[in-house]
Amino acid sequence: MNEGKPANKPQRKRAQNFFEAEKMMLINLVQQYKDILENKRSDSVTSKDKEKCWKVIEHLFNSRSSGECRN
């Protein structure tokens, strides 16, 4: 039995591990936006700013990476 897992949901393929260069690139991108990402406020404007920031980081990371797209 598959307890705790829906029977009709297909299992996703596991993504490849990050390479060292990808880790460093991600760290650098997050550092550029750390003032927004580390903001302690939890209002809707701050949440939307953080969500937009992560989308920008995702786009920049995927455009600079030679590996598979990550989200």
C-alpha atoms as a PDB file:
ATOM      1  CA  MET A   1       0.000   0.000   0.000  1.00  0.00           C
ATOM      2  CA  ASN A   2       1.050   3.575  -0.634  1.00  0.00           C
ATOM      3  CA  GLU A   3       0.026   5.153   2.633  1.00  0.00           C
ATOM      4  CA  GLY A   4       0.109   8.940   2.560  1.00  0.00           C
ATOM      5  CA  LYS A   5       0.516   9.160  -1.244  1.00  0.00           C
ATOM      6  CA  PRO A   6      -2.316   9.712  -3.709  1.00  0.00           C
ATOM      7  CA  ALA A   7      -2.681   6.688  -5.984  1.00  0.00           C
ATOM      8  CA  ASN A   8      -3.187   8.668  -9.189  1.00  0.00           C
ATOM      9  CA  LYS A   9      -0.365  11.205  -8.820  1.00  0.00           C
ATOM     10  CA  PRO A  10       2.715  10.342 -10.923  1.00  0.00           C
ATOM     11  CA  GLN A  11       6.046  10.494  -9.158  1.00  0.00           C
ATOM     12  CA  ARG A  12       8.312  13.334 -10.307  1.00  0.00           C
ATOM     13  CA  LYS A  13      11.790  12.619 -11.595  1.00  0.00           C
ATOM     14  CA  ARG A  14      14.442  13.763  -9.132  1.00  0.00           C
ATOM     15  CA  ALA A  15      16.534  16.702 -10.326  1.00  0.00           C
ATOM     16  CA  GLN A  16      20.295  16.398 -10.633  1.00  0.00           C
ATOM     17  CA  ASN A  17      22.376  17.675  -7.714  1.00  0.00           C
ATOM     18  CA  PHE A  18      23.808  21.178  -7.956  1.00  0.00           C
ATOM     19  CA  PHE A  19      27.364  21.518  -9.250  1.00  0.00           C
ATOM     20  CA  GLU A  20      29.782  23.602  -7.166  1.00  0.00           C
ATOM     21  CA  ALA A  21      29.699  26.443  -9.725  1.00  0.00           C
ATOM     22  CA  GLU A  22      25.881  26.451  -9.599  1.00  0.00           C
ATOM     23  CA  LYS A  23      25.955  26.642  -5.798  1.00  0.00           C
ATOM     24  CA  MET A  24      28.284  29.645  -5.904  1.00  0.00           C
ATOM     25  CA  MET A  25      26.176  31.365  -8.567  1.00  0.00           C
ATOM     26  CA  LEU A  26      23.018  30.855  -6.502  1.00  0.00           C
ATOM     27  CA  ILE A  27      24.724  32.174  -3.362  1.00  0.00           C
ATOM     28  CA  ASN A  28      25.855  35.275  -5.261  1.00  0.00           C
ATOM     29  CA  LEU A  29      22.375  35.885  -6.665  1.00  0.00           C
ATOM     30  CA  VAL A  30      20.746  35.516  -3.248  1.00  0.00           C
ATOM     31  CA  GLN A  31      23.308  37.891  -1.715  1.00  0.00           C
ATOM     32  CA  GLN A  32      22.350  40.543  -4.278  1.00  0.00           C
ATOM     33  CA  TYR A  33      18.735  40.389  -3.073  1.00  0.00           C
ATOM     34  CA  LYS A  34      19.283  39.580   0.602  1.00  0.00           C
ATOM     35  CA  ASP A  35      17.776  42.844   1.861  1.00  0.00           C
ATOM     36  CA  ILE A  36      14.446  41.868   0.319  1.00  0.00           C
ATOM     37  CA  LEU A  37      14.665  38.150   1.108  1.00  0.00           C
ATOM     38  CA  GLU A  38      15.646  38.622   4.758  1.00  0.00           C
ATOM     39  CA  ASN A  39      12.981  41.244   5.463  1.00  0.00           C
ATOM     40  CA  LYS A  40      11.154  40.118   8.617  1.00  0.00           C
ATOM     41  CA  ARG A  41       7.848  41.789   7.762  1.00  0.00           C
ATOM     42  CA  SER A  42       5.040  39.481   6.691  1.00  0.00           C
ATOM     43  CA  ASP A  43       2.562  41.864   5.075  1.00  0.00           C
ATOM     44  CA  SER A  44       1.209  41.261   1.580  1.00  0.00           C
ATOM     45  CA  VAL A  45       3.476  43.842  -0.089  1.00  0.00           C
ATOM     46  CA  THR A  46       6.610  42.270   1.396  1.00  0.00           C
ATOM     47  CA  SER A  47       5.423  38.779   0.455  1.00  0.00           C
ATOM     48  CA  LYS A  48       4.829  39.876  -3.146  1.00  0.00           C
ATOM     49  CA  ASP A  49       8.245  41.555  -3.249  1.00  0.00           C
ATOM     50  CA  LYS A  50       9.885  38.333  -2.051  1.00  0.00           C
ATOM     51  CA  GLU A  51       7.954  36.254  -4.583  1.00  0.00           C
ATOM     52  CA  LYS A  52       9.018  38.592  -7.418  1.00  0.00           C
ATOM     53  CA  CYS A  53      12.589  38.488  -6.144  1.00  0.00           C
ATOM     54  CA  TRP A  54      12.670  34.670  -6.225  1.00  0.00           C
ATOM     55  CA  LYS A  55      11.271  34.718  -9.780  1.00  0.00           C
ATOM     56  CA  VAL A  56      14.082  37.093 -10.827  1.00  0.00           C
ATOM     57  CA  ILE A  57      16.673  34.853  -9.149  1.00  0.00           C
ATOM     58  CA  GLU A  58      15.163  31.786 -10.848  1.00  0.00           C
ATOM     59  CA  HIS A  59      15.279  33.501 -14.259  1.00  0.00           C
ATOM     60  CA  LEU A  60      18.849  34.764 -13.804  1.00  0.00           C
ATOM     61  CA  PHE A  61      20.069  31.408 -12.496  1.00  0.00           C
ATOM     62  CA  ASN A  62      18.495  29.424 -15.341  1.00  0.00           C
ATOM     63  CA  SER A  63      19.741  31.867 -17.981  1.00  0.00           C
ATOM     64  CA  ARG A  64      23.329  31.631 -16.696  1.00  0.00           C
ATOM     65  CA  SER A  65      23.370  27.911 -15.928  1.00  0.00           C
ATOM     66  CA  SER A  66      24.383  25.335 -18.513  1.00  0.00           C
ATOM     67  CA  GLY A  67      22.501  22.550 -16.735  1.00  0.00           C
ATOM     68  CA  GLU A  68      18.809  21.794 -16.522  1.00  0.00           C
ATOM     69  CA  CYS A  69      16.297  24.514 -15.589  1.00  0.00           C
ATOM     70  CA  ARG A  70      15.500  24.745 -11.905  1.00  0.00           C
ATOM     71  CA  ASN A  71      12.560  26.286 -10.123  1.00  0.00           C
END
